[in-house]
N, C-alpha and C. Protein backbone atom coordinates (compact mmCIF):
# COMPACT_ATOMS: atom_id res chain seq x y z
N UNK A 1 5.73 -33.13 -72.97
CA UNK A 1 4.66 -32.30 -73.04
C UNK A 1 3.60 -32.96 -74.14
N UNK A 2 2.40 -32.72 -73.59
CA UNK A 2 1.13 -33.39 -74.35
C UNK A 2 0.97 -32.59 -75.64
N UNK A 3 0.85 -33.44 -76.74
CA UNK A 3 0.58 -32.74 -78.13
C UNK A 3 -0.88 -32.49 -78.03
N UNK A 4 -1.24 -31.51 -78.73
CA UNK A 4 -2.65 -31.00 -78.88
C UNK A 4 -3.64 -32.03 -79.62
N UNK A 5 -3.11 -32.64 -80.62
CA UNK A 5 -3.92 -33.67 -81.40
C UNK A 5 -3.16 -34.92 -81.39
N UNK A 6 -3.96 -36.12 -81.13
CA UNK A 6 -3.41 -37.44 -81.24
C UNK A 6 -4.43 -38.13 -82.14
N UNK A 7 -3.90 -38.80 -83.13
CA UNK A 7 -4.77 -39.63 -84.09
C UNK A 7 -4.30 -41.05 -83.91
N UNK A 8 -5.04 -42.02 -83.37
CA UNK A 8 -4.76 -43.38 -83.51
C UNK A 8 -5.30 -44.07 -84.70
N UNK A 9 -4.57 -44.86 -85.40
CA UNK A 9 -4.97 -45.58 -86.63
C UNK A 9 -4.29 -46.72 -86.92
N UNK A 10 -4.71 -47.63 -87.76
CA UNK A 10 -4.06 -48.95 -88.10
C UNK A 10 -3.98 -48.82 -89.56
N UNK A 11 -2.83 -48.92 -90.19
CA UNK A 11 -2.72 -49.12 -91.74
C UNK A 11 -3.50 -50.21 -92.35
N UNK A 12 -3.77 -50.07 -93.43
CA UNK A 12 -4.56 -51.20 -94.18
C UNK A 12 -3.79 -52.53 -93.96
N UNK A 13 -4.53 -53.54 -93.68
CA UNK A 13 -4.01 -55.10 -93.50
C UNK A 13 -3.06 -54.99 -92.49
N UNK A 14 -3.16 -54.28 -91.35
CA UNK A 14 -2.29 -54.26 -90.22
C UNK A 14 -3.08 -54.30 -88.99
N UNK A 15 -2.70 -54.83 -87.84
CA UNK A 15 -3.40 -54.84 -86.64
C UNK A 15 -2.77 -53.86 -85.52
N UNK A 16 -1.58 -53.44 -85.91
CA UNK A 16 -0.87 -52.55 -84.89
C UNK A 16 -1.43 -51.20 -85.00
N UNK A 17 -1.72 -50.53 -83.69
CA UNK A 17 -2.21 -49.30 -83.73
C UNK A 17 -0.99 -48.20 -83.56
N UNK A 18 -1.07 -47.38 -84.47
CA UNK A 18 0.07 -46.22 -84.45
C UNK A 18 -0.68 -45.00 -84.00
N UNK A 19 0.16 -43.95 -83.61
CA UNK A 19 -0.40 -42.69 -83.10
C UNK A 19 0.32 -41.54 -83.74
N UNK A 20 -0.41 -40.59 -84.43
CA UNK A 20 0.16 -39.41 -85.10
C UNK A 20 -0.05 -38.29 -84.09
N UNK A 21 1.05 -37.62 -83.68
CA UNK A 21 0.97 -36.51 -82.76
C UNK A 21 1.22 -35.24 -83.42
N UNK A 22 0.56 -34.12 -83.27
CA UNK A 22 0.73 -32.83 -83.61
C UNK A 22 0.16 -31.80 -83.00
N UNK A 23 0.67 -30.58 -82.97
CA UNK A 23 0.14 -29.39 -82.37
C UNK A 23 -0.70 -28.56 -83.25
N UNK A 24 -0.62 -28.86 -84.54
CA UNK A 24 -1.13 -28.10 -85.50
C UNK A 24 -2.50 -28.63 -86.15
N UNK A 25 -3.63 -27.90 -86.02
CA UNK A 25 -4.97 -28.60 -86.48
C UNK A 25 -4.97 -28.76 -87.94
N UNK A 26 -4.23 -27.92 -88.82
CA UNK A 26 -4.16 -28.17 -90.20
C UNK A 26 -3.48 -29.49 -90.53
N UNK A 27 -2.36 -29.79 -89.90
CA UNK A 27 -1.52 -30.83 -90.08
C UNK A 27 -2.45 -32.03 -89.56
N UNK A 28 -3.15 -32.13 -88.71
CA UNK A 28 -4.07 -33.17 -88.21
C UNK A 28 -4.93 -33.43 -89.20
N UNK A 29 -5.64 -32.33 -89.82
CA UNK A 29 -6.56 -32.58 -90.92
C UNK A 29 -5.88 -33.10 -92.27
N UNK A 30 -4.74 -32.81 -92.51
CA UNK A 30 -3.98 -33.27 -93.66
C UNK A 30 -3.63 -34.76 -93.49
N UNK A 31 -3.31 -35.06 -92.16
CA UNK A 31 -3.01 -36.54 -91.88
C UNK A 31 -4.17 -37.33 -91.97
N UNK A 32 -5.39 -36.90 -91.63
CA UNK A 32 -6.63 -37.51 -91.85
C UNK A 32 -6.81 -37.78 -93.31
N UNK A 33 -6.63 -36.69 -94.05
CA UNK A 33 -6.71 -36.88 -95.66
C UNK A 33 -5.86 -37.99 -96.09
N UNK A 34 -4.71 -38.13 -95.59
CA UNK A 34 -3.89 -39.22 -95.99
C UNK A 34 -4.30 -40.61 -95.70
N UNK A 35 -4.83 -40.60 -94.36
CA UNK A 35 -5.34 -41.76 -93.96
C UNK A 35 -6.59 -42.28 -94.78
N UNK A 36 -7.52 -41.35 -95.08
CA UNK A 36 -8.69 -41.71 -95.80
C UNK A 36 -8.14 -42.14 -97.20
N UNK A 37 -7.18 -41.41 -97.84
CA UNK A 37 -6.80 -41.85 -99.14
C UNK A 37 -6.21 -43.18 -99.28
N UNK A 38 -5.61 -43.75 -98.28
CA UNK A 38 -4.99 -45.05 -98.37
C UNK A 38 -5.76 -46.07 -97.70
N UNK A 39 -7.01 -45.81 -97.13
CA UNK A 39 -7.88 -46.75 -96.59
C UNK A 39 -7.55 -47.25 -95.28
N UNK A 40 -6.77 -46.44 -94.36
CA UNK A 40 -6.49 -46.80 -93.06
C UNK A 40 -7.64 -46.82 -92.15
N UNK A 41 -7.65 -47.39 -91.09
CA UNK A 41 -8.70 -47.31 -90.04
C UNK A 41 -8.28 -46.24 -89.10
N UNK A 42 -9.22 -45.32 -88.88
CA UNK A 42 -9.00 -44.22 -87.91
C UNK A 42 -9.72 -44.74 -86.62
N UNK A 43 -8.99 -45.01 -85.60
CA UNK A 43 -9.47 -45.58 -84.37
C UNK A 43 -10.05 -44.45 -83.31
N UNK A 44 -9.22 -43.49 -83.21
CA UNK A 44 -9.70 -42.36 -82.21
C UNK A 44 -8.89 -41.18 -82.56
N UNK A 45 -9.53 -39.97 -82.19
CA UNK A 45 -8.95 -38.73 -82.40
C UNK A 45 -8.99 -38.06 -80.97
N UNK A 46 -7.92 -37.64 -80.48
CA UNK A 46 -7.86 -36.92 -79.19
C UNK A 46 -7.56 -35.48 -79.47
N UNK A 47 -7.87 -34.64 -78.52
CA UNK A 47 -7.51 -33.21 -78.42
C UNK A 47 -7.15 -32.83 -77.00
N UNK A 48 -5.92 -32.51 -76.63
CA UNK A 48 -5.45 -32.22 -75.40
C UNK A 48 -5.71 -33.44 -74.56
N UNK A 49 -5.44 -34.58 -75.04
CA UNK A 49 -5.49 -35.89 -74.20
C UNK A 49 -6.84 -36.41 -74.04
N UNK A 50 -7.96 -35.75 -74.49
CA UNK A 50 -9.30 -36.22 -74.30
C UNK A 50 -9.86 -36.59 -75.60
N UNK A 51 -10.49 -37.74 -75.70
CA UNK A 51 -11.06 -38.32 -76.89
C UNK A 51 -12.24 -37.31 -77.32
N UNK A 52 -12.24 -36.97 -78.63
CA UNK A 52 -13.23 -36.10 -79.19
C UNK A 52 -14.64 -36.94 -79.19
N UNK A 53 -15.67 -36.17 -79.05
CA UNK A 53 -16.94 -36.81 -79.10
C UNK A 53 -17.11 -37.37 -80.49
N UNK A 54 -18.10 -38.29 -80.72
CA UNK A 54 -18.44 -38.78 -81.98
C UNK A 54 -18.74 -37.66 -83.06
N UNK A 55 -19.42 -36.67 -82.45
CA UNK A 55 -19.82 -35.56 -83.39
C UNK A 55 -18.57 -34.78 -83.88
N UNK A 56 -17.79 -34.47 -82.92
CA UNK A 56 -16.58 -33.74 -83.26
C UNK A 56 -15.52 -34.37 -83.99
N UNK A 57 -15.28 -35.77 -83.86
CA UNK A 57 -14.35 -36.58 -84.66
C UNK A 57 -15.05 -36.65 -86.06
N UNK A 58 -16.38 -36.88 -86.27
CA UNK A 58 -17.17 -36.93 -87.48
C UNK A 58 -16.87 -35.67 -88.25
N UNK A 59 -17.03 -34.60 -87.53
CA UNK A 59 -16.73 -33.22 -88.21
C UNK A 59 -15.34 -33.17 -88.97
N UNK A 60 -14.36 -33.44 -88.15
CA UNK A 60 -12.87 -33.55 -88.47
C UNK A 60 -12.79 -34.45 -89.83
N UNK A 61 -13.36 -35.68 -89.73
CA UNK A 61 -13.28 -36.53 -90.84
C UNK A 61 -13.92 -36.12 -92.03
N UNK A 62 -15.10 -35.48 -91.85
CA UNK A 62 -15.95 -34.98 -92.89
C UNK A 62 -15.18 -33.95 -93.67
N UNK A 63 -14.66 -32.96 -93.02
CA UNK A 63 -13.82 -31.95 -93.68
C UNK A 63 -12.60 -32.58 -94.47
N UNK A 64 -12.03 -33.65 -93.88
CA UNK A 64 -10.83 -34.17 -94.57
C UNK A 64 -11.45 -34.92 -95.79
N UNK A 65 -12.47 -35.52 -95.60
CA UNK A 65 -12.98 -36.39 -96.90
C UNK A 65 -13.50 -35.37 -97.90
N UNK A 66 -14.10 -34.36 -97.66
CA UNK A 66 -14.43 -33.44 -98.60
C UNK A 66 -13.18 -32.73 -99.24
N UNK A 67 -12.15 -32.57 -98.58
CA UNK A 67 -10.92 -32.04 -99.12
C UNK A 67 -10.28 -33.09 -100.15
N UNK A 68 -10.26 -34.38 -99.75
CA UNK A 68 -9.87 -35.40 -100.50
C UNK A 68 -10.59 -35.55 -101.85
N UNK A 69 -12.00 -35.57 -101.80
CA UNK A 69 -12.91 -35.52 -102.89
C UNK A 69 -12.63 -34.37 -103.74
N UNK A 70 -12.46 -33.15 -103.14
CA UNK A 70 -12.26 -31.98 -104.03
C UNK A 70 -10.91 -32.16 -104.81
N UNK A 71 -9.87 -32.68 -104.15
CA UNK A 71 -8.74 -32.83 -104.92
C UNK A 71 -8.74 -33.87 -106.16
N UNK A 72 -9.53 -34.94 -105.82
CA UNK A 72 -9.77 -35.96 -106.84
C UNK A 72 -10.58 -35.24 -108.05
N UNK A 73 -11.56 -34.57 -107.73
CA UNK A 73 -12.40 -33.99 -108.83
C UNK A 73 -11.58 -32.88 -109.67
N UNK A 74 -10.71 -32.10 -108.80
CA UNK A 74 -9.81 -31.26 -109.56
C UNK A 74 -8.87 -31.90 -110.54
N UNK A 75 -8.29 -32.94 -110.14
CA UNK A 75 -7.45 -33.72 -110.88
C UNK A 75 -8.02 -34.53 -112.08
N UNK A 76 -9.12 -35.23 -111.70
CA UNK A 76 -9.74 -35.99 -112.69
C UNK A 76 -10.56 -35.31 -113.74
N UNK A 77 -11.27 -34.24 -113.35
CA UNK A 77 -12.07 -33.42 -114.06
C UNK A 77 -11.59 -32.00 -114.69
N UNK A 78 -10.35 -31.84 -114.25
CA UNK A 78 -9.73 -30.53 -114.54
C UNK A 78 -10.53 -29.26 -114.26
N UNK A 79 -11.01 -29.31 -112.99
CA UNK A 79 -12.04 -28.23 -112.57
C UNK A 79 -11.27 -27.36 -111.58
N UNK A 80 -11.76 -26.08 -111.68
CA UNK A 80 -11.12 -25.14 -110.59
C UNK A 80 -12.00 -25.20 -109.33
N UNK A 81 -11.62 -24.38 -108.34
CA UNK A 81 -12.33 -24.41 -107.15
C UNK A 81 -13.76 -24.06 -107.19
N UNK A 82 -14.00 -22.90 -108.08
CA UNK A 82 -15.28 -22.25 -108.16
C UNK A 82 -16.27 -23.39 -108.74
N UNK A 83 -15.75 -24.11 -109.72
CA UNK A 83 -16.64 -25.26 -110.40
C UNK A 83 -16.84 -26.37 -109.46
N UNK A 84 -15.84 -26.80 -108.80
CA UNK A 84 -16.10 -27.84 -107.80
C UNK A 84 -17.19 -27.41 -106.72
N UNK A 85 -17.08 -26.19 -106.19
CA UNK A 85 -18.07 -25.68 -105.21
C UNK A 85 -19.46 -25.65 -105.83
N UNK A 86 -19.56 -25.06 -107.02
CA UNK A 86 -20.84 -24.89 -107.63
C UNK A 86 -21.52 -26.23 -108.08
N UNK A 87 -20.82 -27.13 -108.69
CA UNK A 87 -21.34 -28.45 -109.11
C UNK A 87 -21.47 -29.44 -108.16
N UNK A 88 -20.46 -29.62 -107.19
CA UNK A 88 -20.53 -30.73 -106.22
C UNK A 88 -20.63 -30.21 -104.71
N UNK A 89 -20.66 -29.00 -104.38
CA UNK A 89 -20.69 -28.42 -103.18
C UNK A 89 -19.68 -28.59 -102.21
N UNK A 90 -18.51 -28.98 -102.81
CA UNK A 90 -17.24 -29.18 -101.82
C UNK A 90 -16.31 -27.90 -101.91
N UNK A 91 -15.97 -27.52 -100.78
CA UNK A 91 -14.89 -26.35 -100.78
C UNK A 91 -13.64 -26.92 -101.29
N UNK A 92 -12.98 -25.98 -102.07
CA UNK A 92 -11.80 -26.50 -102.71
C UNK A 92 -10.42 -25.85 -101.92
C-alpha cells in the first residue's frame, strides 16, 4: 500500500538517497524538522505518490523550519510560547 507522504533526502556528506515513508502529516513535519536540524538535503516531498509543487513543499519546509527555530529560541533564551510569538513571530 502506498504511504501518504514520502520524503527523499540525503544525509550530510552522503550521496545515497533515502526515503522516509509515513501516513501521518505531523510525523512528516517532525521528520523534516530533524532533517533541517542535522543539515540533510531534502530532495523531494511526495503526497499520495505525486511530487508536491514547489509552493507546497516550501510551505511544509517553512513550517518545519519555524518549529525548529522556535524550539531553539525556547531553549537558548528560556522563553515561553507567547514571548516567542510576540518577539520573533514564530508559533511555538
